[in-house]
Structure formats: structure tokens, C-alpha cells
PDB file of N, CA and C in Angstrom:
ATOM      1  N   MET A   1      82.054-159.430  50.011  1.00  0.00           N
ATOM      2  CA  MET A   1      81.048-160.304  49.437  1.00  0.00           C
ATOM      3  C   MET A   1      79.803-159.476  49.101  1.00  0.00           C
ATOM      4  N   ARG A   2      79.270-159.709  47.951  1.00  0.00           N
ATOM      5  CA  ARG A   2      78.086-158.987  47.497  1.00  0.00           C
ATOM      6  C   ARG A   2      76.831-159.629  48.048  1.00  0.00           C
ATOM      7  N   LYS A   3      75.971-158.827  48.651  1.00  0.00           N
ATOM      8  CA  LYS A   3      74.727-159.333  49.222  1.00  0.00           C
ATOM      9  C   LYS A   3      73.695-159.455  48.115  1.00  0.00           C
ATOM     10  N   LYS A   4      72.984-160.559  48.084  1.00  0.00           N
ATOM     11  CA  LYS A   4      71.965-160.790  47.080  1.00  0.00           C
ATOM     12  C   LYS A   4      70.596-160.699  47.753  1.00  0.00           C
ATOM     13  N   TYR A   5      69.708-159.929  47.139  1.00  0.00           N
ATOM     14  CA  TYR A   5      68.371-159.761  47.679  1.00  0.00           C
ATOM     15  C   TYR A   5      67.410-160.711  46.985  1.00  0.00           C
ATOM     16  N   LEU A   6      66.511-161.269  47.747  1.00  0.00           N
ATOM     17  CA  LEU A   6      65.508-162.155  47.173  1.00  0.00           C
ATOM     18  C   LEU A   6      64.424-161.323  46.509  1.00  0.00           C
ATOM     19  N   GLU A   7      64.044-161.730  45.325  1.00  0.00           N
ATOM     20  CA  GLU A   7      62.983-161.055  44.598  1.00  0.00           C
ATOM     21  C   GLU A   7      61.941-162.082  44.178  1.00  0.00           C
ATOM     22  N   LYS A   8      60.690-161.642  44.177  1.00  0.00           N
ATOM     23  CA  LYS A   8      59.591-162.494  43.721  1.00  0.00           C
ATOM     24  C   LYS A   8      58.996-161.843  42.486  1.00  0.00           C
ATOM     25  N   GLN A   9      58.893-162.605  41.407  1.00  0.00           N
ATOM     26  CA  GLN A   9      58.344-162.036  40.181  1.00  0.00           C
ATOM     27  C   GLN A   9      56.858-161.739  40.340  1.00  0.00           C
ATOM     28  N   ILE A  10      56.448-160.612  39.808  1.00  0.00           N
ATOM     29  CA  ILE A  10      55.043-160.196  39.802  1.00  0.00           C
ATOM     30  C   ILE A  10      54.492-160.552  38.425  1.00  0.00           C
ATOM     31  N   LYS A  11      53.385-161.274  38.409  1.00  0.00           N
ATOM     32  CA  LYS A  11      52.911-161.866  37.162  1.00  0.00           C
ATOM     33  C   LYS A  11      51.984-160.990  36.327  1.00  0.00           C
ATOM     34  N   ASN A  12      51.266-160.054  36.965  1.00  0.00           N
ATOM     35  CA  ASN A  12      50.300-159.264  36.195  1.00  0.00           C
ATOM     36  C   ASN A  12      50.016-157.929  36.897  1.00  0.00           C
ATOM     37  N   ILE A  13      49.279-157.075  36.204  1.00  0.00           N
ATOM     38  CA  ILE A  13      48.969-155.726  36.705  1.00  0.00           C
ATOM     39  C   ILE A  13      48.161-155.778  37.999  1.00  0.00           C
ATOM     40  N   GLU A  14      47.240-156.714  38.107  1.00  0.00           N
ATOM     41  CA  GLU A  14      46.420-156.817  39.319  1.00  0.00           C
ATOM     42  C   GLU A  14      47.286-157.131  40.531  1.00  0.00           C
ATOM     43  N   GLU A  15      48.198-158.092  40.383  1.00  0.00           N
ATOM     44  CA  GLU A  15      49.109-158.433  41.483  1.00  0.00           C
ATOM     45  C   GLU A  15      50.011-157.242  41.806  1.00  0.00           C
ATOM     46  N   LEU A  16      50.502-156.557  40.780  1.00  0.00           N
ATOM     47  CA  LEU A  16      51.352-155.386  40.979  1.00  0.00           C
ATOM     48  C   LEU A  16      50.636-154.312  41.789  1.00  0.00           C
ATOM     49  N   THR A  17      49.386-154.054  41.461  1.00  0.00           N
ATOM     50  CA  THR A  17      48.600-153.050  42.193  1.00  0.00           C
ATOM     51  C   THR A  17      48.485-153.417  43.667  1.00  0.00           C
ATOM     52  N   LYS A  18      48.201-154.677  43.967  1.00  0.00           N
ATOM     53  CA  LYS A  18      48.079-155.133  45.363  1.00  0.00           C
ATOM     54  C   LYS A  18      49.404-155.002  46.111  1.00  0.00           C
ATOM     55  N   VAL A  19      50.500-155.373  45.448  1.00  0.00           N
ATOM     56  CA  VAL A  19      51.810-155.294  46.103  1.00  0.00           C
ATOM     57  C   VAL A  19      52.169-153.836  46.405  1.00  0.00           C
ATOM     58  N   ILE A  20      51.942-152.943  45.440  1.00  0.00           N
ATOM     59  CA  ILE A  20      52.242-151.522  45.676  1.00  0.00           C
ATOM     60  C   ILE A  20      51.418-150.989  46.838  1.00  0.00           C
ATOM     61  N   ASP A  21      50.151-151.348  46.888  1.00  0.00           N
ATOM     62  CA  ASP A  21      49.257-150.871  47.944  1.00  0.00           C
ATOM     63  C   ASP A  21      49.687-151.334  49.334  1.00  0.00           C
ATOM     64  N   SER A  22      50.443-152.425  49.408  1.00  0.00           N
ATOM     65  CA  SER A  22      50.833-152.962  50.716  1.00  0.00           C
ATOM     66  C   SER A  22      52.334-152.845  51.000  1.00  0.00           C
ATOM     67  N   LEU A  23      53.056-152.009  50.250  1.00  0.00           N
ATOM     68  CA  LEU A  23      54.504-151.877  50.448  1.00  0.00           C
ATOM     69  C   LEU A  23      54.856-151.364  51.841  1.00  0.00           C
ATOM     70  N   ASP A  24      55.834-152.006  52.460  1.00  0.00           N
ATOM     71  CA  ASP A  24      56.441-151.506  53.687  1.00  0.00           C
ATOM     72  C   ASP A  24      57.639-150.643  53.309  1.00  0.00           C
ATOM     73  N   LEU A  25      58.177-149.909  54.278  1.00  0.00           N
ATOM     74  CA  LEU A  25      59.293-149.009  54.002  1.00  0.00           C
ATOM     75  C   LEU A  25      60.551-149.729  53.536  1.00  0.00           C
ATOM     76  N   ASP A  26      60.721-150.992  53.924  1.00  0.00           N
ATOM     77  CA  ASP A  26      61.922-151.731  53.535  1.00  0.00           C
ATOM     78  C   ASP A  26      61.692-152.634  52.326  1.00  0.00           C
ATOM     79  N   GLU A  27      60.613-152.413  51.590  1.00  0.00           N
ATOM     80  CA  GLU A  27      60.303-153.195  50.399  1.00  0.00           C
ATOM     81  C   GLU A  27      60.282-152.281  49.172  1.00  0.00           C
ATOM     82  N   GLY A  28      60.299-152.896  48.024  1.00  0.00           N
ATOM     83  CA  GLY A  28      60.219-152.123  46.796  1.00  0.00           C
ATOM     84  C   GLY A  28      59.836-152.990  45.620  1.00  0.00           C
ATOM     85  N   ILE A  29      59.667-152.326  44.485  1.00  0.00           N
ATOM     86  CA  ILE A  29      59.321-152.989  43.233  1.00  0.00           C
ATOM     87  C   ILE A  29      60.341-152.548  42.191  1.00  0.00           C
ATOM     88  N   ARG A  30      60.765-153.481  41.365  1.00  0.00           N
ATOM     89  CA  ARG A  30      61.648-153.177  40.240  1.00  0.00           C
ATOM     90  C   ARG A  30      60.951-153.628  38.971  1.00  0.00           C
ATOM     91  N   LEU A  31      60.873-152.729  37.991  1.00  0.00           N
ATOM     92  CA  LEU A  31      60.244-153.041  36.706  1.00  0.00           C
ATOM     93  C   LEU A  31      61.185-152.639  35.580  1.00  0.00           C
ATOM     94  N   PHE A  32      61.042-153.282  34.439  1.00  0.00           N
ATOM     95  CA  PHE A  32      61.670-152.779  33.225  1.00  0.00           C
ATOM     96  C   PHE A  32      60.720-151.758  32.638  1.00  0.00           C
ATOM     97  N   GLY A  33      61.252-150.615  32.243  1.00  0.00           N
ATOM     98  CA  GLY A  33      60.412-149.577  31.686  1.00  0.00           C
ATOM     99  C   GLY A  33      61.236-148.511  31.018  1.00  0.00           C
ATOM    100  N   PHE A  34      60.606-147.407  30.708  1.00  0.00           N
ATOM    101  CA  PHE A  34      61.246-146.348  29.946  1.00  0.00           C
ATOM    102  C   PHE A  34      61.269-145.052  30.738  1.00  0.00           C
ATOM    103  N   LYS A  35      62.412-144.373  30.681  1.00  0.00           N
ATOM    104  CA  LYS A  35      62.492-143.025  31.234  1.00  0.00           C
ATOM    105  C   LYS A  35      61.848-142.080  30.240  1.00  0.00           C
ATOM    106  N   LYS A  36      61.396-140.958  30.718  1.00  0.00           N
ATOM    107  CA  LYS A  36      60.828-139.935  29.854  1.00  0.00           C
ATOM    108  C   LYS A  36      61.846-139.567  28.764  1.00  0.00           C
ATOM    109  N   ASP A  37      61.394-139.477  27.529  1.00  0.00           N
ATOM    110  CA  ASP A  37      62.225-139.100  26.384  1.00  0.00           C
ATOM    111  C   ASP A  37      63.334-140.107  26.080  1.00  0.00           C
ATOM    112  N   SER A  38      63.152-141.369  26.434  1.00  0.00           N
ATOM    113  CA  SER A  38      64.160-142.383  26.148  1.00  0.00           C
ATOM    114  C   SER A  38      63.512-143.551  25.417  1.00  0.00           C
ATOM    115  N   GLU A  39      64.237-144.126  24.483  1.00  0.00           N
ATOM    116  CA  GLU A  39      63.730-145.294  23.763  1.00  0.00           C
ATOM    117  C   GLU A  39      64.318-146.582  24.298  1.00  0.00           C
ATOM    118  N   ASP A  40      65.367-146.497  25.112  1.00  0.00           N
ATOM    119  CA  ASP A  40      65.997-147.682  25.669  1.00  0.00           C
ATOM    120  C   ASP A  40      65.335-148.063  26.986  1.00  0.00           C
ATOM    121  N   ALA A  41      65.123-149.349  27.163  1.00  0.00           N
ATOM    122  CA  ALA A  41      64.520-149.817  28.412  1.00  0.00           C
ATOM    123  C   ALA A  41      65.483-149.586  29.564  1.00  0.00           C
ATOM    124  N   GLY A  42      64.935-149.124  30.676  1.00  0.00           N
ATOM    125  CA  GLY A  42      65.701-148.919  31.888  1.00  0.00           C
ATOM    126  C   GLY A  42      64.969-149.593  33.040  1.00  0.00           C
ATOM    127  N   PHE A  43      65.219-149.112  34.233  1.00  0.00           N
ATOM    128  CA  PHE A  43      64.529-149.622  35.415  1.00  0.00           C
ATOM    129  C   PHE A  43      63.580-148.564  35.955  1.00  0.00           C
ATOM    130  N   ILE A  44      62.476-149.024  36.497  1.00  0.00           N
ATOM    131  CA  ILE A  44      61.570-148.198  37.296  1.00  0.00           C
ATOM    132  C   ILE A  44      61.527-148.858  38.670  1.00  0.00           C
ATOM    133  N   PHE A  45      61.846-148.095  39.702  1.00  0.00           N
ATOM    134  CA  PHE A  45      61.765-148.591  41.074  1.00  0.00           C
ATOM    135  C   PHE A  45      60.633-147.860  41.782  1.00  0.00           C
ATOM    136  N   ILE A  46      59.823-148.598  42.526  1.00  0.00           N
ATOM    137  CA  ILE A  46      58.729-148.026  43.305  1.00  0.00           C
ATOM    138  C   ILE A  46      58.997-148.334  44.775  1.00  0.00           C
ATOM    139  N   SER A  47      58.888-147.321  45.627  1.00  0.00           N
ATOM    140  CA  SER A  47      59.045-147.543  47.061  1.00  0.00           C
ATOM    141  C   SER A  47      58.057-146.662  47.822  1.00  0.00           C
ATOM    142  N   ALA A  48      57.830-147.026  49.073  1.00  0.00           N
ATOM    143  CA  ALA A  48      56.951-146.235  49.933  1.00  0.00           C
ATOM    144  C   ALA A  48      57.767-145.103  50.554  1.00  0.00           C
ATOM    145  N   VAL A  49      57.118-143.973  50.789  1.00  0.00           N
ATOM    146  CA  VAL A  49      57.742-142.819  51.434  1.00  0.00           C
ATOM    147  C   VAL A  49      57.340-142.831  52.894  1.00  0.00           C
ATOM    148  N   HIS A  50      58.285-142.545  53.783  1.00  0.00           N
ATOM    149  CA  HIS A  50      58.013-142.558  55.225  1.00  0.00           C
ATOM    150  C   HIS A  50      56.893-141.581  55.565  1.00  0.00           C
ATOM    151  N   SER A  51      55.952-142.012  56.363  1.00  0.00           N
ATOM    152  CA  SER A  51      54.772-141.197  56.680  1.00  0.00           C
ATOM    153  C   SER A  51      55.086-139.992  57.570  1.00  0.00           C
ATOM    154  N   LEU A  52      56.262-139.945  58.191  1.00  0.00           N
ATOM    155  CA  LEU A  52      56.604-138.797  59.035  1.00  0.00           C
ATOM    156  C   LEU A  52      57.057-137.591  58.217  1.00  0.00           C
ATOM    157  N   ILE A  53      57.357-137.824  56.944  1.00  0.00           N
ATOM    158  CA  ILE A  53      57.702-136.701  56.072  1.00  0.00           C
ATOM    159  C   ILE A  53      56.433-135.892  55.854  1.00  0.00           C
ATOM    160  N   LYS A  54      56.500-134.592  56.054  1.00  0.00           N
ATOM    161  CA  LYS A  54      55.307-133.749  55.939  1.00  0.00           C
ATOM    162  C   LYS A  54      54.984-133.524  54.472  1.00  0.00           C
ATOM    163  N   SER A  55      54.297-134.485  53.919  1.00  0.00           N
ATOM    164  CA  SER A  55      53.974-134.439  52.506  1.00  0.00           C
ATOM    165  C   SER A  55      52.771-135.331  52.255  1.00  0.00           C
ATOM    166  N   ASN A  56      52.057-135.050  51.187  1.00  0.00           N
ATOM    167  CA  ASN A  56      50.955-135.927  50.822  1.00  0.00           C
ATOM    168  C   ASN A  56      51.424-136.990  49.832  1.00  0.00           C
ATOM    169  N   GLN A  57      52.729-137.053  49.603  1.00  0.00           N
ATOM    170  CA  GLN A  57      53.270-138.021  48.657  1.00  0.00           C
ATOM    171  C   GLN A  57      53.589-139.327  49.379  1.00  0.00           C
ATOM    172  N   LYS A  58      52.934-140.410  48.976  1.00  0.00           N
ATOM    173  CA  LYS A  58      53.086-141.690  49.647  1.00  0.00           C
ATOM    174  C   LYS A  58      54.080-142.620  48.944  1.00  0.00           C
ATOM    175  N   TYR A  59      54.320-142.404  47.628  1.00  0.00           N
ATOM    176  CA  TYR A  59      55.175-143.304  46.859  1.00  0.00           C
ATOM    177  C   TYR A  59      56.252-142.532  46.105  1.00  0.00           C
ATOM    178  N   CYS A  60      57.428-143.146  46.020  1.00  0.00           N
ATOM    179  CA  CYS A  60      58.526-142.603  45.231  1.00  0.00           C
ATOM    180  C   CYS A  60      58.695-143.486  43.996  1.00  0.00           C
ATOM    181  N   ILE A  61      58.776-142.851  42.830  1.00  0.00           N
ATOM    182  CA  ILE A  61      59.028-143.542  41.570  1.00  0.00           C
ATOM    183  C   ILE A  61      60.403-143.079  41.103  1.00  0.00           C
ATOM    184  N   ASN A  62      61.331-144.014  41.017  1.00  0.00           N
ATOM    185  CA  ASN A  62      62.710-143.716  40.647  1.00  0.00           C
ATOM    186  C   ASN A  62      62.977-144.396  39.305  1.00  0.00           C
ATOM    187  N   THR A  63      63.349-143.607  38.295  1.00  0.00           N
ATOM    188  CA  THR A  63      63.683-144.191  36.999  1.00  0.00           C
ATOM    189  C   THR A  63      65.175-144.024  36.749  1.00  0.00           C
ATOM    190  N   THR A  64      65.760-145.022  36.099  1.00  0.00           N
ATOM    191  CA  THR A  64      67.183-144.988  35.802  1.00  0.00           C
ATOM    192  C   THR A  64      67.473-145.794  34.543  1.00  0.00           C
ATOM    193  N   ASP A  65      68.533-145.415  33.851  1.00  0.00           N
ATOM    194  CA  ASP A  65      69.003-146.218  32.734  1.00  0.00           C
ATOM    195  C   ASP A  65      69.548-147.527  33.288  1.00  0.00           C
ATOM    196  N   ARG A  66      69.774-148.491  32.414  1.00  0.00           N
ATOM    197  CA  ARG A  66      70.395-149.740  32.854  1.00  0.00           C
ATOM    198  C   ARG A  66      71.523-150.095  31.897  1.00  0.00           C
ATOM    199  N   VAL A  67      72.530-150.764  32.440  1.00  0.00           N
ATOM    200  CA  VAL A  67      73.678-151.197  31.655  1.00  0.00           C
ATOM    201  C   VAL A  67      73.931-152.675  31.934  1.00  0.00           C
ATOM    202  N   PHE A  68      74.410-153.377  30.932  1.00  0.00           N
ATOM    203  CA  PHE A  68      74.728-154.789  31.107  1.00  0.00           C
ATOM    204  C   PHE A  68      76.128-154.907  31.686  1.00  0.00           C
ATOM    205  N   ASN A  69      76.249-155.664  32.775  1.00  0.00           N
ATOM    206  CA  ASN A  69      77.534-155.889  33.424  1.00  0.00           C
ATOM    207  C   ASN A  69      78.082-157.226  32.939  1.00  0.00           C
ATOM    208  N   ASP A  70      79.158-157.190  32.163  1.00  0.00           N
ATOM    209  CA  ASP A  70      79.735-158.416  31.602  1.00  0.00           C
ATOM    210  C   ASP A  70      80.240-159.365  32.684  1.00  0.00           C
ATOM    211  N   GLU A  71      80.738-158.804  33.785  1.00  0.00           N
ATOM    212  CA  GLU A  71      81.299-159.627  34.865  1.00  0.00           C
ATOM    213  C   GLU A  71      80.229-160.463  35.561  1.00  0.00           C
ATOM    214  N   THR A  72      79.085-159.842  35.837  1.00  0.00           N
ATOM    215  CA  THR A  72      78.018-160.562  36.550  1.00  0.00           C
ATOM    216  C   THR A  72      76.996-161.177  35.611  1.00  0.00           C
ATOM    217  N   GLY A  73      76.927-160.677  34.370  1.00  0.00           N
ATOM    218  CA  GLY A  73      75.961-161.202  33.414  1.00  0.00           C
ATOM    219  C   GLY A  73      74.540-160.709  33.638  1.00  0.00           C
ATOM    220  N   ILE A  74      74.399-159.579  34.345  1.00  0.00           N
ATOM    221  CA  ILE A  74      73.062-159.036  34.607  1.00  0.00           C
ATOM    222  C   ILE A  74      73.042-157.533  34.308  1.00  0.00           C
ATOM    223  N   TYR A  75      71.828-156.996  34.180  1.00  0.00           N
ATOM    224  CA  TYR A  75      71.666-155.553  34.021  1.00  0.00           C
ATOM    225  C   TYR A  75      71.697-154.887  35.385  1.00  0.00           C
ATOM    226  N   LEU A  76      72.366-153.738  35.449  1.00  0.00           N
ATOM    227  CA  LEU A  76      72.470-152.963  36.681  1.00  0.00           C
ATOM    228  C   LEU A  76      72.024-151.532  36.421  1.00  0.00           C
ATOM    229  N   PRO A  77      71.546-150.830  37.457  1.00  0.00           N
ATOM    230  CA  PRO A  77      71.213-149.410  37.289  1.00  0.00           C
ATOM    231  C   PRO A  77      72.444-148.624  36.870  1.00  0.00           C
ATOM    232  N   ASP A  78      72.230-147.629  36.003  1.00  0.00           N
ATOM    233  CA  ASP A  78      73.336-146.850  35.460  1.00  0.00           C
ATOM    234  C   ASP A  78      73.665-145.623  36.297  1.00  0.00           C
ATOM    235  N   GLY A  79      72.741-145.166  37.111  1.00  0.00           N
ATOM    236  CA  GLY A  79      73.029-144.017  37.952  1.00  0.00           C
ATOM    237  C   GLY A  79      72.437-142.713  37.468  1.00  0.00           C
ATOM    238  N   LYS A  80      71.954-142.652  36.245  1.00  0.00           N
ATOM    239  CA  LYS A  80      71.299-141.446  35.738  1.00  0.00           C
ATOM    240  C   LYS A  80      69.833-141.521  36.153  1.00  0.00           C
ATOM    241  N   GLU A  81      69.543-140.983  37.326  1.00  0.00           N
ATOM    242  CA  GLU A  81      68.232-141.182  37.933  1.00  0.00           C
ATOM    243  C   GLU A  81      67.341-139.952  37.836  1.00  0.00           C
ATOM    244  N   GLU A  82      66.039-140.220  37.848  1.00  0.00           N
ATOM    245  CA  GLU A  82      65.012-139.190  37.990  1.00  0.00           C
ATOM    246  C   GLU A  82      64.038-139.691  39.042  1.00  0.00           C
ATOM    247  N   PHE A  83      63.519-138.770  39.854  1.00  0.00           N
ATOM    248  CA  PHE A  83      62.592-139.128  40.919  1.00  0.00           C
ATOM    249  C   PHE A  83      61.273-138.400  40.724  1.00  0.00           C
ATOM    250  N   PHE A  84      60.183-139.136  40.931  1.00  0.00           N
ATOM    251  CA  PHE A  84      58.834-138.592  40.889  1.00  0.00           C
ATOM    252  C   PHE A  84      58.129-139.083  42.146  1.00  0.00           C
ATOM    253  N   TYR A  85      57.114-138.366  42.577  1.00  0.00           N
ATOM    254  CA  TYR A  85      56.368-138.768  43.769  1.00  0.00           C
ATOM    255  C   TYR A  85      54.889-138.802  43.443  1.00  0.00           C
ATOM    256  N   ALA A  86      54.189-139.725  44.095  1.00  0.00           N
ATOM    257  CA  ALA A  86      52.754-139.900  43.851  1.00  0.00           C
ATOM    258  C   ALA A  86      52.022-140.046  45.174  1.00  0.00           C
ATOM    259  N   PRO A  87      50.805-139.492  45.262  1.00  0.00           N
ATOM    260  CA  PRO A  87      50.061-139.530  46.516  1.00  0.00           C
ATOM    261  C   PRO A  87      49.306-140.832  46.756  1.00  0.00           C
ATOM    262  N   ASN A  88      49.119-141.648  45.701  1.00  0.00           N
ATOM    263  CA  ASN A  88      48.304-142.857  45.876  1.00  0.00           C
ATOM    264  C   ASN A  88      48.646-143.906  44.816  1.00  0.00           C
ATOM    265  N   VAL A  89      48.122-145.098  45.015  1.00  0.00           N
ATOM    266  CA  VAL A  89      48.377-146.219  44.110  1.00  0.00           C
ATOM    267  C   VAL A  89      47.875-145.913  42.703  1.00  0.00           C
ATOM    268  N   GLU A  90      46.759-145.230  42.591  1.00  0.00           N
ATOM    269  CA  GLU A  90      46.188-144.940  41.276  1.00  0.00           C
ATOM    270  C   GLU A  90      47.151-144.121  40.422  1.00  0.00           C
ATOM    271  N   GLU A  91      47.802-143.128  41.022  1.00  0.00           N
ATOM    272  CA  GLU A  91      48.757-142.301  40.278  1.00  0.00           C
ATOM    273  C   GLU A  91      50.011-143.099  39.896  1.00  0.00           C
ATOM    274  N   VAL A  92      50.444-143.982  40.790  1.00  0.00           N
ATOM    275  CA  VAL A  92      51.588-144.845  40.477  1.00  0.00           C
ATOM    276  C   VAL A  92      51.241-145.741  39.292  1.00  0.00           C
ATOM    277  N   MET A  93      50.047-146.311  39.309  1.00  0.00           N
ATOM    278  CA  MET A  93      49.640-147.209  38.233  1.00  0.00           C
ATOM    279  C   MET A  93      49.503-146.472  36.905  1.00  0.00           C
ATOM    280  N   LYS A  94      49.064-145.232  36.920  1.00  0.00           N
ATOM    281  CA  LYS A  94      49.014-144.439  35.679  1.00  0.00           C
ATOM    282  C   LYS A  94      50.418-144.319  35.084  1.00  0.00           C
ATOM    283  N   TYR A  95      51.397-144.025  35.942  1.00  0.00           N
ATOM    284  CA  TYR A  95      52.775-143.904  35.482  1.00  0.00           C
ATOM    285  C   TYR A  95      53.274-145.238  34.922  1.00  0.00           C
ATOM    286  N   ILE A  96      53.005-146.316  35.642  1.00  0.00           N
ATOM    287  CA  ILE A  96      53.471-147.636  35.218  1.00  0.00           C
ATOM    288  C   ILE A  96      52.831-148.041  33.894  1.00  0.00           C
ATOM    289  N   LYS A  97      51.536-147.846  33.771  1.00  0.00           N
ATOM    290  CA  LYS A  97      50.850-148.236  32.531  1.00  0.00           C
ATOM    291  C   LYS A  97      51.391-147.475  31.330  1.00  0.00           C
ATOM    292  N   LYS A  98      51.829-146.259  31.547  1.00  0.00           N
ATOM    293  CA  LYS A  98      52.373-145.435  30.464  1.00  0.00           C
ATOM    294  C   LYS A  98      53.829-145.796  30.156  1.00  0.00           C
ATOM    295  N   ASN A  99      54.615-146.178  31.172  1.00  0.00           N
ATOM    296  CA  ASN A  99      56.063-146.302  31.004  1.00  0.00           C
ATOM    297  C   ASN A  99      56.659-147.696  31.168  1.00  0.00           C
ATOM    298  N   ALA A 100      55.917-148.657  31.697  1.00  0.00           N
ATOM    299  CA  ALA A 100      56.467-149.998  31.909  1.00  0.00           C
ATOM    300  C   ALA A 100      56.556-150.764  30.594  1.00  0.00           C
ATOM    301  N   LEU A 101      57.557-151.612  30.504  1.00  0.00           N
ATOM    302  CA  LEU A 101      57.743-152.466  29.341  1.00  0.00           C
ATOM    303  C   LEU A 101      56.577-153.454  29.262  1.00  0.00           C
ATOM    304  N   LYS A 102      56.126-153.729  28.070  1.00  0.00           N
ATOM    305  CA  LYS A 102      55.052-154.705  27.874  1.00  0.00           C
ATOM    306  C   LYS A 102      55.574-155.843  27.030  1.00  0.00           C
ATOM    307  N   PRO A 103      55.383-157.100  27.433  1.00  0.00           N
ATOM    308  CA  PRO A 103      54.646-157.518  28.626  1.00  0.00           C
ATOM    309  C   PRO A 103      55.389-157.134  29.914  1.00  0.00           C
ATOM    310  N   LEU A 104      54.626-157.049  30.986  1.00  0.00           N
ATOM    311  CA  LEU A 104      55.136-156.633  32.283  1.00  0.00           C
ATOM    312  C   LEU A 104      56.294-157.517  32.738  1.00  0.00           C
ATOM    313  N   LYS A 105      57.369-156.874  33.156  1.00  0.00           N
ATOM    314  CA  LYS A 105      58.506-157.555  33.785  1.00  0.00           C
ATOM    315  C   LYS A 105      58.770-156.827  35.084  1.00  0.00           C
ATOM    316  N   ALA A 106      58.266-157.393  36.196  1.00  0.00           N
ATOM    317  CA  ALA A 106      58.339-156.721  37.489  1.00  0.00           C
ATOM    318  C   ALA A 106      58.655-157.718  38.590  1.00  0.00           C
ATOM    319  N   TRP A 107      59.345-157.205  39.631  1.00  0.00           N
ATOM    320  CA  TRP A 107      59.741-158.034  40.774  1.00  0.00           C
ATOM    321  C   TRP A 107      59.548-157.244  42.061  1.00  0.00           C
ATOM    322  N   HIS A 108      59.171-157.963  43.102  1.00  0.00           N
ATOM    323  CA  HIS A 108      58.981-157.408  44.447  1.00  0.00           C
ATOM    324  C   HIS A 108      60.169-157.847  45.299  1.00  0.00           C
ATOM    325  N   TYR A 109      60.791-156.902  45.978  1.00  0.00           N
ATOM    326  CA  TYR A 109      61.921-157.241  46.849  1.00  0.00           C
ATOM    327  C   TYR A 109      61.711-156.675  48.230  1.00  0.00           C
TER     328      TYR A 109
END
């Protein structure tokens, strides 16, 4: 049986900034956006990085292509991933403002 995760839609950039700033390790954000050098919309995932890792990077930004699954009727990550890291919310928001689909389509899980 496939487990379904509850997601709450994020309505605007201000709410998105607050949610990112308060992410726990078991939470994340999913947005529609663009990978570098790609014209097709994919997914951008934002998660918090564990503080015990000896790094000044607090957030992980994971970008991936997306494919439509005919069986489920939804878009799924394609597996061609790239990872970026950011030290603070401001740097994450710079990335999102540059690469997220407009209007914003984002969810908190």
C-alpha cells in the first residue's frame, strides 16, 4: 500500500518564507519550478539540514525533473536530481524567486 503524505498549500511568498524559517528535520516544501538550464517545469524541494553536520549550510535545495504518471494521474519526481545548499532563509528565497514557477505553486509537508 502506498503511503500518502498530507500537504498544506502555501498561498504566497510571505507564508513560504515563514514556513522555511521554521522547518523541522522531518518537514519539507515542494514547489513547481525550473532546474538550471531547463525550460520544463520540475520540482524544487526544500528541507532543513541536521545541525550536527559540521557545516554552515542550514537548508538543502533539491531540484528534479517531473514526469506525469498515467496510472496515478499525478506528476512524480523523475530522479534526475541536483542538490544545492544555503546557509539561511534569505539565500533560499533568492533561489526560489529566480527559479519557482509563477504564480507560486508550493506545498508544505
